[in-house]
Amino acid sequence: MIAKELGVGELAERSGVAVSALHFYEAKGLIHSVRTGGNQRRYARSVLRRLAVIKVAQRVGLPLAEIAKALDALPSGRTPTVADWRRLSAAWKRELEERIKTLIQLRDQLDGCIGCGCLSLKACPLRNSGDEMAQQGAGPHFKSLGQDS
């Protein structure tokens, strides 16, 4: 007979996520449990899928706030379907593509910055050439390709 709900230790073992991380995720609203009469946490088996998504999303660098927002859009009370996951991943795919584009640009422009070491406001595209991007706030800003010089 398969248990309908998992205890925190079993969930940790099955998911590869530390008990302390499970408690943290629960405190942040990423996963949910019910309490037994003895105040022990019990998790629905569907939490295993949510944890898998959380781990993958963290591995690719998505912040927990973004992960929580996406998970909040999933249906409650049932295991998400393939279509549900597809919608969730489509939003992340756009964000990851933008990050990849930015990282490629950084990689391609970084050698000049390392070579001169000056971080000149006049010449360095990584630093914010001519301080054109000051309206974005204090500190250095990465000027994307295709923006006017």
C-alpha atoms as a PDB file:
ATOM      1  CA  MET A   1       0.000   0.000   0.000  1.00  0.00           C
ATOM      2  CA  ILE A   2       1.412   3.407  -1.032  1.00  0.00           C
ATOM      3  CA  ALA A   3       1.098   6.190   1.537  1.00  0.00           C
ATOM      4  CA  LYS A   4      -0.927   9.119   0.302  1.00  0.00           C
ATOM      5  CA  GLU A   5       1.230  11.649   2.142  1.00  0.00           C
ATOM      6  CA  LEU A   6       4.934  11.803   2.939  1.00  0.00           C
ATOM      7  CA  GLY A   7       6.634  12.751   6.183  1.00  0.00           C
ATOM      8  CA  VAL A   8       9.343  15.400   6.058  1.00  0.00           C
ATOM      9  CA  GLY A   9      12.161  12.830   6.359  1.00  0.00           C
ATOM     10  CA  GLU A  10      10.776  10.675   3.565  1.00  0.00           C
ATOM     11  CA  LEU A  11      10.225  13.735   1.373  1.00  0.00           C
ATOM     12  CA  ALA A  12      13.820  14.840   1.998  1.00  0.00           C
ATOM     13  CA  GLU A  13      15.142  11.400   1.135  1.00  0.00           C
ATOM     14  CA  ARG A  14      13.034  11.006  -2.008  1.00  0.00           C
ATOM     15  CA  SER A  15      13.686  14.527  -3.313  1.00  0.00           C
ATOM     16  CA  GLY A  16      17.336  14.934  -2.360  1.00  0.00           C
ATOM     17  CA  VAL A  17      16.455  18.182  -0.576  1.00  0.00           C
ATOM     18  CA  ALA A  18      17.571  18.718   3.024  1.00  0.00           C
ATOM     19  CA  VAL A  19      14.892  18.880   5.707  1.00  0.00           C
ATOM     20  CA  SER A  20      16.020  22.418   6.555  1.00  0.00           C
ATOM     21  CA  ALA A  21      15.523  23.439   2.907  1.00  0.00           C
ATOM     22  CA  LEU A  22      12.039  21.879   2.923  1.00  0.00           C
ATOM     23  CA  HIS A  23      11.151  23.963   5.977  1.00  0.00           C
ATOM     24  CA  PHE A  24      12.562  27.064   4.269  1.00  0.00           C
ATOM     25  CA  TYR A  25      10.605  26.396   1.049  1.00  0.00           C
ATOM     26  CA  GLU A  26       7.468  25.918   3.090  1.00  0.00           C
ATOM     27  CA  ALA A  27       8.054  29.176   4.976  1.00  0.00           C
ATOM     28  CA  LYS A  28       8.428  30.922   1.603  1.00  0.00           C
ATOM     29  CA  GLY A  29       5.202  29.360   0.297  1.00  0.00           C
ATOM     30  CA  LEU A  30       6.863  27.235  -2.388  1.00  0.00           C
ATOM     31  CA  ILE A  31       5.503  23.993  -0.928  1.00  0.00           C
ATOM     32  CA  HIS A  32       2.719  23.219   1.528  1.00  0.00           C
ATOM     33  CA  SER A  33       2.091  20.619   4.190  1.00  0.00           C
ATOM     34  CA  VAL A  34      -0.695  19.626   6.512  1.00  0.00           C
ATOM     35  CA  ARG A  35      -0.165  18.877  10.191  1.00  0.00           C
ATOM     36  CA  THR A  36      -1.110  15.684  11.970  1.00  0.00           C
ATOM     37  CA  GLY A  37      -2.662  15.606  15.434  1.00  0.00           C
ATOM     38  CA  GLY A  38       0.909  15.272  16.758  1.00  0.00           C
ATOM     39  CA  ASN A  39       1.919  18.434  14.798  1.00  0.00           C
ATOM     40  CA  GLN A  40       4.029  16.492  12.278  1.00  0.00           C
ATOM     41  CA  ARG A  41       4.256  17.752   8.714  1.00  0.00           C
ATOM     42  CA  ARG A  42       2.734  15.650   5.950  1.00  0.00           C
ATOM     43  CA  TYR A  43       3.238  16.452   2.278  1.00  0.00           C
ATOM     44  CA  ALA A  44       1.190  15.415  -0.725  1.00  0.00           C
ATOM     45  CA  ARG A  45       3.128  13.257  -3.181  1.00  0.00           C
ATOM     46  CA  SER A  46       2.749  16.018  -5.797  1.00  0.00           C
ATOM     47  CA  VAL A  47       5.238  18.080  -3.752  1.00  0.00           C
ATOM     48  CA  LEU A  48       7.967  15.831  -5.196  1.00  0.00           C
ATOM     49  CA  ARG A  49       7.302  17.346  -8.635  1.00  0.00           C
ATOM     50  CA  ARG A  50       7.297  20.867  -7.265  1.00  0.00           C
ATOM     51  CA  LEU A  51      10.647  20.191  -5.586  1.00  0.00           C
ATOM     52  CA  ALA A  52      12.090  18.855  -8.838  1.00  0.00           C
ATOM     53  CA  VAL A  53      11.035  22.063 -10.598  1.00  0.00           C
ATOM     54  CA  ILE A  54      12.463  24.203  -7.788  1.00  0.00           C
ATOM     55  CA  LYS A  55      15.810  22.401  -7.941  1.00  0.00           C
ATOM     56  CA  VAL A  56      16.065  22.715 -11.739  1.00  0.00           C
ATOM     57  CA  ALA A  57      15.038  26.374 -11.669  1.00  0.00           C
ATOM     58  CA  GLN A  58      17.612  27.144  -8.992  1.00  0.00           C
ATOM     59  CA  ARG A  59      20.274  25.270 -10.935  1.00  0.00           C
ATOM     60  CA  VAL A  60      19.761  27.587 -13.917  1.00  0.00           C
ATOM     61  CA  GLY A  61      19.930  30.636 -11.669  1.00  0.00           C
ATOM     62  CA  LEU A  62      16.307  31.669 -11.279  1.00  0.00           C
ATOM     63  CA  PRO A  63      15.682  33.523  -8.013  1.00  0.00           C
ATOM     64  CA  LEU A  64      13.272  32.007  -5.497  1.00  0.00           C
ATOM     65  CA  ALA A  65      10.862  34.934  -5.914  1.00  0.00           C
ATOM     66  CA  GLU A  66      10.531  34.133  -9.622  1.00  0.00           C
ATOM     67  CA  ILE A  67      10.139  30.430  -8.880  1.00  0.00           C
ATOM     68  CA  ALA A  68       7.432  31.175  -6.301  1.00  0.00           C
ATOM     69  CA  LYS A  69       5.572  33.400  -8.755  1.00  0.00           C
ATOM     70  CA  ALA A  70       5.556  30.652 -11.367  1.00  0.00           C
ATOM     71  CA  LEU A  71       4.523  27.960  -8.900  1.00  0.00           C
ATOM     72  CA  ASP A  72       1.670  30.172  -7.665  1.00  0.00           C
ATOM     73  CA  ALA A  73       0.263  30.071 -11.195  1.00  0.00           C
ATOM     74  CA  LEU A  74       0.017  26.273 -11.060  1.00  0.00           C
ATOM     75  CA  PRO A  75      -3.282  24.695 -10.041  1.00  0.00           C
ATOM     76  CA  SER A  76      -3.810  23.823  -6.416  1.00  0.00           C
ATOM     77  CA  GLY A  77      -5.575  20.671  -5.395  1.00  0.00           C
ATOM     78  CA  ARG A  78      -4.290  18.569  -8.282  1.00  0.00           C
ATOM     79  CA  THR A  79      -1.036  17.432  -9.792  1.00  0.00           C
ATOM     80  CA  PRO A  80       0.033  19.802 -12.580  1.00  0.00           C
ATOM     81  CA  THR A  81      -0.409  18.493 -16.095  1.00  0.00           C
ATOM     82  CA  VAL A  82       2.076  18.520 -18.949  1.00  0.00           C
ATOM     83  CA  ALA A  83       0.301  21.619 -20.292  1.00  0.00           C
ATOM     84  CA  ASP A  84       0.683  23.349 -16.907  1.00  0.00           C
ATOM     85  CA  TRP A  85       4.427  22.677 -16.881  1.00  0.00           C
ATOM     86  CA  ARG A  86       4.730  23.765 -20.507  1.00  0.00           C
ATOM     87  CA  ARG A  87       3.214  27.178 -19.698  1.00  0.00           C
ATOM     88  CA  LEU A  88       5.502  27.562 -16.704  1.00  0.00           C
ATOM     89  CA  SER A  89       8.630  26.641 -18.653  1.00  0.00           C
ATOM     90  CA  ALA A  90       7.755  28.943 -21.573  1.00  0.00           C
ATOM     91  CA  ALA A  91       8.045  31.994 -19.329  1.00  0.00           C
ATOM     92  CA  TRP A  92      11.334  30.755 -17.911  1.00  0.00           C
ATOM     93  CA  LYS A  93      12.638  30.005 -21.388  1.00  0.00           C
ATOM     94  CA  ARG A  94      12.242  33.659 -22.424  1.00  0.00           C
ATOM     95  CA  GLU A  95      14.052  34.815 -19.291  1.00  0.00           C
ATOM     96  CA  LEU A  96      16.866  32.302 -19.785  1.00  0.00           C
ATOM     97  CA  GLU A  97      17.288  33.318 -23.427  1.00  0.00           C
ATOM     98  CA  GLU A  98      17.690  36.943 -22.318  1.00  0.00           C
ATOM     99  CA  ARG A  99      20.258  35.903 -19.697  1.00  0.00           C
ATOM    100  CA  ILE A 100      22.174  33.871 -22.270  1.00  0.00           C
ATOM    101  CA  LYS A 101      22.236  36.861 -24.628  1.00  0.00           C
ATOM    102  CA  THR A 102      23.537  39.105 -21.848  1.00  0.00           C
ATOM    103  CA  LEU A 103      26.170  36.568 -20.761  1.00  0.00           C
ATOM    104  CA  ILE A 104      27.412  36.128 -24.328  1.00  0.00           C
ATOM    105  CA  GLN A 105      27.720  39.891 -24.682  1.00  0.00           C
ATOM    106  CA  LEU A 106      29.555  40.120 -21.367  1.00  0.00           C
ATOM    107  CA  ARG A 107      31.897  37.293 -22.389  1.00  0.00           C
ATOM    108  CA  ASP A 108      32.660  38.960 -25.716  1.00  0.00           C
ATOM    109  CA  GLN A 109      33.312  42.406 -24.219  1.00  0.00           C
ATOM    110  CA  LEU A 110      35.000  41.446 -20.960  1.00  0.00           C
ATOM    111  CA  ASP A 111      38.475  40.826 -22.365  1.00  0.00           C
ATOM    112  CA  GLY A 112      38.878  44.495 -23.330  1.00  0.00           C
ATOM    113  CA  CYS A 113      37.934  45.539 -19.830  1.00  0.00           C
ATOM    114  CA  ILE A 114      40.331  43.085 -18.228  1.00  0.00           C
ATOM    115  CA  GLY A 115      43.029  44.165 -20.681  1.00  0.00           C
ATOM    116  CA  CYS A 116      42.875  47.857 -19.849  1.00  0.00           C
ATOM    117  CA  GLY A 117      41.499  47.713 -16.320  1.00  0.00           C
ATOM    118  CA  CYS A 118      40.399  51.340 -16.386  1.00  0.00           C
ATOM    119  CA  LEU A 119      36.607  51.019 -16.516  1.00  0.00           C
ATOM    120  CA  SER A 120      36.638  54.327 -18.364  1.00  0.00           C
ATOM    121  CA  LEU A 121      33.314  56.119 -18.569  1.00  0.00           C
ATOM    122  CA  LYS A 122      34.320  57.293 -22.048  1.00  0.00           C
ATOM    123  CA  ALA A 123      35.143  53.981 -23.672  1.00  0.00           C
ATOM    124  CA  CYS A 124      33.973  50.988 -21.637  1.00  0.00           C
ATOM    125  CA  PRO A 125      30.699  49.488 -22.879  1.00  0.00           C
ATOM    126  CA  LEU A 126      30.476  47.399 -19.719  1.00  0.00           C
ATOM    127  CA  ARG A 127      30.726  50.400 -17.401  1.00  0.00           C
ATOM    128  CA  ASN A 128      28.144  52.635 -19.064  1.00  0.00           C
ATOM    129  CA  SER A 129      29.804  54.632 -21.793  1.00  0.00           C
ATOM    130  CA  GLY A 130      29.464  58.371 -21.316  1.00  0.00           C
ATOM    131  CA  ASP A 131      27.189  57.745 -18.336  1.00  0.00           C
ATOM    132  CA  GLU A 132      24.281  57.470 -20.793  1.00  0.00           C
ATOM    133  CA  MET A 133      22.463  55.008 -18.559  1.00  0.00           C
ATOM    134  CA  ALA A 134      22.567  57.064 -15.354  1.00  0.00           C
ATOM    135  CA  GLN A 135      18.775  57.187 -15.341  1.00  0.00           C
ATOM    136  CA  GLN A 136      18.839  53.478 -14.394  1.00  0.00           C
ATOM    137  CA  GLY A 137      20.348  54.328 -11.012  1.00  0.00           C
ATOM    138  CA  ALA A 138      23.704  54.387  -9.284  1.00  0.00           C
ATOM    139  CA  GLY A 139      26.474  51.940 -10.101  1.00  0.00           C
ATOM    140  CA  PRO A 140      27.628  50.285 -13.289  1.00  0.00           C
ATOM    141  CA  HIS A 141      25.089  49.166 -15.859  1.00  0.00           C
ATOM    142  CA  PHE A 142      25.555  46.790 -18.722  1.00  0.00           C
ATOM    143  CA  LYS A 143      24.695  48.432 -22.007  1.00  0.00           C
ATOM    144  CA  SER A 144      22.990  45.888 -24.265  1.00  0.00           C
ATOM    145  CA  LEU A 145      23.975  45.422 -27.871  1.00  0.00           C
ATOM    146  CA  GLY A 146      21.791  47.399 -30.207  1.00  0.00           C
ATOM    147  CA  GLN A 147      21.364  50.347 -27.843  1.00  0.00           C
ATOM    148  CA  ASP A 148      22.408  53.680 -29.291  1.00  0.00           C
ATOM    149  CA  SER A 149      25.921  54.802 -28.375  1.00  0.00           C
END
